[in-house]
Amino acid sequence: MSTITAVLDPCPDGTLHLLLPPDLRGTRVRVEAKLEAAPSVTKSPVELRAITW
């Protein structure tokens, strides 16, 4: 099991996209989600997309 905490920017169509860790790719994944508004950030989109496993 992996626990991931992320702040995501929604796409214009309202969807969210989360990059899966390599060990979960190609498998079924159970997801539990808690959605809440996040404070604004001043980091660039590139910094927000940088995920290290």
C-alpha atoms as a PDB file:
ATOM      1  CA  MET A   1       0.000   0.000   0.000  1.00  0.00           C
ATOM      2  CA  SER A   2       1.176   3.515  -0.797  1.00  0.00           C
ATOM      3  CA  THR A   3      -0.047   6.692   0.865  1.00  0.00           C
ATOM      4  CA  ILE A   4       0.145   9.741  -1.374  1.00  0.00           C
ATOM      5  CA  THR A   5      -0.585  13.311  -0.322  1.00  0.00           C
ATOM      6  CA  ALA A   6      -0.844  15.723  -3.233  1.00  0.00           C
ATOM      7  CA  VAL A   7      -2.213  19.120  -4.145  1.00  0.00           C
ATOM      8  CA  LEU A   8      -3.659  18.848  -7.645  1.00  0.00           C
ATOM      9  CA  ASP A   9      -4.857  21.499 -10.086  1.00  0.00           C
ATOM     10  CA  PRO A  10      -8.089  20.359 -11.761  1.00  0.00           C
ATOM     11  CA  CYS A  11      -8.283  20.202 -15.538  1.00  0.00           C
ATOM     12  CA  PRO A  12     -10.832  22.499 -17.220  1.00  0.00           C
ATOM     13  CA  ASP A  13     -13.268  19.562 -17.458  1.00  0.00           C
ATOM     14  CA  GLY A  14     -13.128  19.086 -13.671  1.00  0.00           C
ATOM     15  CA  THR A  15     -11.012  15.933 -13.626  1.00  0.00           C
ATOM     16  CA  LEU A  16      -7.894  15.352 -11.521  1.00  0.00           C
ATOM     17  CA  HIS A  17      -4.920  13.311 -12.697  1.00  0.00           C
ATOM     18  CA  LEU A  18      -2.570  11.556 -10.300  1.00  0.00           C
ATOM     19  CA  LEU A  19       0.652   9.870 -11.379  1.00  0.00           C
ATOM     20  CA  LEU A  20       0.853   6.371  -9.921  1.00  0.00           C
ATOM     21  CA  PRO A  21       4.037   4.950  -8.415  1.00  0.00           C
ATOM     22  CA  PRO A  22       5.719   2.361 -10.663  1.00  0.00           C
ATOM     23  CA  ASP A  23       4.660  -0.618  -8.521  1.00  0.00           C
ATOM     24  CA  LEU A  24       0.958   0.204  -9.025  1.00  0.00           C
ATOM     25  CA  ARG A  25       0.972   0.816 -12.763  1.00  0.00           C
ATOM     26  CA  GLY A  26      -0.924  -1.747 -14.806  1.00  0.00           C
ATOM     27  CA  THR A  27      -2.947  -2.968 -11.808  1.00  0.00           C
ATOM     28  CA  ARG A  28      -6.351  -2.168 -10.366  1.00  0.00           C
ATOM     29  CA  VAL A  29      -6.088   0.504  -7.690  1.00  0.00           C
ATOM     30  CA  ARG A  30      -8.445   1.199  -4.795  1.00  0.00           C
ATOM     31  CA  VAL A  31      -8.604   4.916  -4.014  1.00  0.00           C
ATOM     32  CA  GLU A  32      -9.821   6.724  -0.910  1.00  0.00           C
ATOM     33  CA  ALA A  33     -10.121  10.466  -1.392  1.00  0.00           C
ATOM     34  CA  LYS A  34     -10.612  13.401   0.929  1.00  0.00           C
ATOM     35  CA  LEU A  35     -11.227  16.574  -1.064  1.00  0.00           C
ATOM     36  CA  GLU A  36     -10.770  20.022   0.446  1.00  0.00           C
ATOM     37  CA  ALA A  37      -9.775  23.399  -0.936  1.00  0.00           C
ATOM     38  CA  ALA A  38      -6.034  23.999  -0.718  1.00  0.00           C
ATOM     39  CA  PRO A  39      -4.407  27.359  -0.078  1.00  0.00           C
ATOM     40  CA  SER A  40      -2.858  29.116  -3.060  1.00  0.00           C
ATOM     41  CA  VAL A  41       0.776  28.317  -3.715  1.00  0.00           C
ATOM     42  CA  THR A  42       3.476  30.439  -5.280  1.00  0.00           C
ATOM     43  CA  LYS A  43       5.506  27.567  -6.727  1.00  0.00           C
ATOM     44  CA  SER A  44       5.700  27.102 -10.469  1.00  0.00           C
ATOM     45  CA  PRO A  45       3.650  24.302 -12.116  1.00  0.00           C
ATOM     46  CA  VAL A  46       6.898  22.443 -12.870  1.00  0.00           C
ATOM     47  CA  GLU A  47       7.762  22.321  -9.162  1.00  0.00           C
ATOM     48  CA  LEU A  48       4.260  21.095  -8.325  1.00  0.00           C
ATOM     49  CA  ARG A  49       4.505  18.263 -10.850  1.00  0.00           C
ATOM     50  CA  ALA A  50       7.848  17.010  -9.514  1.00  0.00           C
ATOM     51  CA  ILE A  51       7.141  13.778  -7.640  1.00  0.00           C
ATOM     52  CA  THR A  52       9.872  11.539  -6.273  1.00  0.00           C
ATOM     53  CA  TRP A  53       9.078   7.939  -5.391  1.00  0.00           C
END
